[in-house]
């Protein structure tokens, strides 16, 4: 789990450096953290995606502005908000809500921060 402050997160990013060269990828729960990790690693002369791949979640503006551009999972935020509001309103009305984790489709936005398997020398 990443820390709340940059210094706490930097310690975690530093621990992740052990994965470099192992055909590994880091997947973050937010694009912000993924982009921050990319910057942290690049300042330590680690190449993304050649040394390690990085992906995020949200497909927000950070994903398109960083270098290399971030591969990210995209969800329909409006649909996510609609489901959350409906669930909250049912709870407020005293209804039982069974689906505590509703399913929302996600789509991957492939960009340059993840190395393709073919480029890794893996057969698939």
C-alpha atoms as a PDB file:
ATOM      1  CA  UNK A   1       0.000   0.000   0.000  1.00  0.00           C
ATOM      2  CA  UNK A   2       1.275   3.439  -0.885  1.00  0.00           C
ATOM      3  CA  UNK A   3       1.762   6.025   1.809  1.00  0.00           C
ATOM      4  CA  UNK A   4      -0.052   9.323   2.187  1.00  0.00           C
ATOM      5  CA  UNK A   5       2.999  11.557   1.792  1.00  0.00           C
ATOM      6  CA  UNK A   6       5.449  11.675  -1.088  1.00  0.00           C
ATOM      7  CA  UNK A   7       8.261  10.459   1.190  1.00  0.00           C
ATOM      8  CA  UNK A   8       6.215   7.424   2.260  1.00  0.00           C
ATOM      9  CA  UNK A   9       5.329   6.641  -1.358  1.00  0.00           C
ATOM     10  CA  UNK A  10       8.950   7.115  -2.453  1.00  0.00           C
ATOM     11  CA  UNK A  11      10.013   4.395  -0.012  1.00  0.00           C
ATOM     12  CA  UNK A  12       7.511   2.025  -1.655  1.00  0.00           C
ATOM     13  CA  UNK A  13       8.681   3.017  -5.156  1.00  0.00           C
ATOM     14  CA  UNK A  14      12.233   2.325  -4.046  1.00  0.00           C
ATOM     15  CA  UNK A  15      11.219  -1.161  -2.885  1.00  0.00           C
ATOM     16  CA  UNK A  16       9.621  -1.761  -6.286  1.00  0.00           C
ATOM     17  CA  UNK A  17      12.981  -1.237  -7.972  1.00  0.00           C
ATOM     18  CA  UNK A  18      13.853  -4.866  -7.134  1.00  0.00           C
ATOM     19  CA  UNK A  19      11.427  -5.913  -9.888  1.00  0.00           C
ATOM     20  CA  UNK A  20      13.454  -4.171 -12.591  1.00  0.00           C
ATOM     21  CA  UNK A  21      14.695  -6.545 -15.255  1.00  0.00           C
ATOM     22  CA  UNK A  22      12.313  -9.335 -14.245  1.00  0.00           C
ATOM     23  CA  UNK A  23       9.853  -8.708 -17.103  1.00  0.00           C
ATOM     24  CA  UNK A  24       7.593  -7.092 -14.556  1.00  0.00           C
ATOM     25  CA  UNK A  25       4.906  -4.450 -14.544  1.00  0.00           C
ATOM     26  CA  UNK A  26       3.650  -2.145 -11.834  1.00  0.00           C
ATOM     27  CA  UNK A  27      -0.101  -1.517 -11.768  1.00  0.00           C
ATOM     28  CA  UNK A  28      -1.366   1.403  -9.710  1.00  0.00           C
ATOM     29  CA  UNK A  29      -4.911   2.093  -8.538  1.00  0.00           C
ATOM     30  CA  UNK A  30      -4.686   5.681  -9.817  1.00  0.00           C
ATOM     31  CA  UNK A  31      -2.986   7.350 -12.753  1.00  0.00           C
ATOM     32  CA  UNK A  32      -1.613   9.983 -10.373  1.00  0.00           C
ATOM     33  CA  UNK A  33       0.400   7.374  -8.453  1.00  0.00           C
ATOM     34  CA  UNK A  34       1.521   5.647 -11.655  1.00  0.00           C
ATOM     35  CA  UNK A  35       2.791   8.921 -13.133  1.00  0.00           C
ATOM     36  CA  UNK A  36       4.482   9.839  -9.868  1.00  0.00           C
ATOM     37  CA  UNK A  37       6.232   6.431  -9.832  1.00  0.00           C
ATOM     38  CA  UNK A  38       7.340   6.878 -13.455  1.00  0.00           C
ATOM     39  CA  UNK A  39       8.937  10.212 -12.553  1.00  0.00           C
ATOM     40  CA  UNK A  40      10.583   8.719  -9.465  1.00  0.00           C
ATOM     41  CA  UNK A  41      12.030   5.810 -11.442  1.00  0.00           C
ATOM     42  CA  UNK A  42      13.147   7.940 -14.392  1.00  0.00           C
ATOM     43  CA  UNK A  43      15.061  10.265 -12.044  1.00  0.00           C
ATOM     44  CA  UNK A  44      16.994   7.141 -11.032  1.00  0.00           C
ATOM     45  CA  UNK A  45      17.862   6.336 -14.661  1.00  0.00           C
ATOM     46  CA  UNK A  46      15.249   3.568 -14.947  1.00  0.00           C
ATOM     47  CA  UNK A  47      13.646   3.422 -18.400  1.00  0.00           C
ATOM     48  CA  UNK A  48       9.909   2.948 -18.770  1.00  0.00           C
ATOM     49  CA  UNK A  49       8.910   0.471 -20.284  1.00  0.00           C
ATOM     50  CA  UNK A  50      12.319  -0.996 -21.210  1.00  0.00           C
ATOM     51  CA  UNK A  51      13.334  -1.733 -17.606  1.00  0.00           C
ATOM     52  CA  UNK A  52       9.842  -2.055 -16.124  1.00  0.00           C
ATOM     53  CA  UNK A  53       6.304  -1.443 -17.378  1.00  0.00           C
ATOM     54  CA  UNK A  54       3.854   0.816 -15.537  1.00  0.00           C
ATOM     55  CA  UNK A  55       0.057   1.025 -15.813  1.00  0.00           C
ATOM     56  CA  UNK A  56      -2.592   3.018 -13.984  1.00  0.00           C
ATOM     57  CA  UNK A  57      -6.322   3.247 -13.459  1.00  0.00           C
ATOM     58  CA  UNK A  58      -8.712   6.097 -14.328  1.00  0.00           C
ATOM     59  CA  UNK A  59      -7.359   7.102 -17.751  1.00  0.00           C
ATOM     60  CA  UNK A  60      -7.304  10.699 -16.614  1.00  0.00           C
ATOM     61  CA  UNK A  61      -5.326  13.652 -17.939  1.00  0.00           C
ATOM     62  CA  UNK A  62      -2.142  12.486 -16.178  1.00  0.00           C
ATOM     63  CA  UNK A  63      -2.089   9.398 -18.410  1.00  0.00           C
ATOM     64  CA  UNK A  64      -1.941  11.472 -21.575  1.00  0.00           C
ATOM     65  CA  UNK A  65       0.488  14.133 -20.357  1.00  0.00           C
ATOM     66  CA  UNK A  66       3.322  12.053 -18.925  1.00  0.00           C
ATOM     67  CA  UNK A  67       6.268  10.701 -20.897  1.00  0.00           C
ATOM     68  CA  UNK A  68       5.961   7.951 -21.866  1.00  0.00           C
ATOM     69  CA  UNK A  69       2.197   8.202 -22.076  1.00  0.00           C
ATOM     70  CA  UNK A  70       0.600   5.924 -19.488  1.00  0.00           C
ATOM     71  CA  UNK A  71      -1.316   2.735 -20.254  1.00  0.00           C
ATOM     72  CA  UNK A  72      -4.444   2.938 -18.114  1.00  0.00           C
ATOM     73  CA  UNK A  73      -7.764   1.270 -17.395  1.00  0.00           C
ATOM     74  CA  UNK A  74     -10.739   3.454 -18.217  1.00  0.00           C
ATOM     75  CA  UNK A  75     -14.164   3.220 -16.604  1.00  0.00           C
ATOM     76  CA  UNK A  76     -17.351   5.144 -17.260  1.00  0.00           C
ATOM     77  CA  UNK A  77     -17.140   7.586 -14.350  1.00  0.00           C
ATOM     78  CA  UNK A  78     -20.692   8.843 -14.937  1.00  0.00           C
ATOM     79  CA  UNK A  79     -22.029   5.285 -14.683  1.00  0.00           C
ATOM     80  CA  UNK A  80     -19.915   4.667 -11.594  1.00  0.00           C
ATOM     81  CA  UNK A  81     -21.329   7.814  -9.949  1.00  0.00           C
ATOM     82  CA  UNK A  82     -24.886   6.903 -10.958  1.00  0.00           C
ATOM     83  CA  UNK A  83     -24.572   3.453  -9.365  1.00  0.00           C
ATOM     84  CA  UNK A  84     -23.085   4.963  -6.189  1.00  0.00           C
ATOM     85  CA  UNK A  85     -25.846   7.583  -5.850  1.00  0.00           C
ATOM     86  CA  UNK A  86     -28.571   4.983  -6.465  1.00  0.00           C
ATOM     87  CA  UNK A  87     -27.044   2.684  -3.861  1.00  0.00           C
ATOM     88  CA  UNK A  88     -26.746   5.545  -1.352  1.00  0.00           C
ATOM     89  CA  UNK A  89     -30.346   6.645  -1.925  1.00  0.00           C
ATOM     90  CA  UNK A  90     -31.584   3.085  -1.354  1.00  0.00           C
ATOM     91  CA  UNK A  91     -29.580   2.900   1.876  1.00  0.00           C
ATOM     92  CA  UNK A  92     -31.004   6.240   3.026  1.00  0.00           C
ATOM     93  CA  UNK A  93     -34.514   4.925   2.281  1.00  0.00           C
ATOM     94  CA  UNK A  94     -33.775   1.934   4.527  1.00  0.00           C
ATOM     95  CA  UNK A  95     -33.625  -0.599   1.711  1.00  0.00           C
ATOM     96  CA  UNK A  96     -31.231  -3.521   1.842  1.00  0.00           C
ATOM     97  CA  UNK A  97     -28.483  -3.240  -0.746  1.00  0.00           C
ATOM     98  CA  UNK A  98     -27.095  -6.609  -1.760  1.00  0.00           C
ATOM     99  CA  UNK A  99     -24.709  -5.603  -4.530  1.00  0.00           C
ATOM    100  CA  UNK A 100     -21.942  -4.005  -2.486  1.00  0.00           C
ATOM    101  CA  UNK A 101     -19.532  -4.211  -5.428  1.00  0.00           C
ATOM    102  CA  UNK A 102     -21.428  -3.474  -8.631  1.00  0.00           C
ATOM    103  CA  UNK A 103     -19.714  -4.450 -11.859  1.00  0.00           C
ATOM    104  CA  UNK A 104     -18.657  -1.718 -14.253  1.00  0.00           C
ATOM    105  CA  UNK A 105     -17.055  -2.370 -17.625  1.00  0.00           C
ATOM    106  CA  UNK A 106     -13.457  -1.263 -18.005  1.00  0.00           C
ATOM    107  CA  UNK A 107     -11.466  -0.694 -21.170  1.00  0.00           C
ATOM    108  CA  UNK A 108      -7.696  -0.584 -21.446  1.00  0.00           C
ATOM    109  CA  UNK A 109      -6.137   2.451 -23.090  1.00  0.00           C
ATOM    110  CA  UNK A 110      -2.863   1.057 -24.416  1.00  0.00           C
ATOM    111  CA  UNK A 111      -0.040   3.561 -24.562  1.00  0.00           C
ATOM    112  CA  UNK A 112       3.754   3.559 -24.362  1.00  0.00           C
ATOM    113  CA  UNK A 113       4.369   2.798 -20.665  1.00  0.00           C
ATOM    114  CA  UNK A 114       3.887  -0.953 -21.054  1.00  0.00           C
ATOM    115  CA  UNK A 115       6.146  -3.133 -23.159  1.00  0.00           C
ATOM    116  CA  UNK A 116       4.398  -5.513 -25.521  1.00  0.00           C
ATOM    117  CA  UNK A 117       5.043  -9.218 -24.901  1.00  0.00           C
ATOM    118  CA  UNK A 118       6.573  -9.572 -28.381  1.00  0.00           C
ATOM    119  CA  UNK A 119       9.141  -6.883 -27.524  1.00  0.00           C
ATOM    120  CA  UNK A 120      10.090  -8.745 -24.343  1.00  0.00           C
ATOM    121  CA  UNK A 121      11.251 -11.815 -26.224  1.00  0.00           C
ATOM    122  CA  UNK A 122       8.459 -13.938 -24.748  1.00  0.00           C
ATOM    123  CA  UNK A 123       6.474 -16.364 -26.810  1.00  0.00           C
ATOM    124  CA  UNK A 124       2.850 -16.537 -26.203  1.00  0.00           C
END
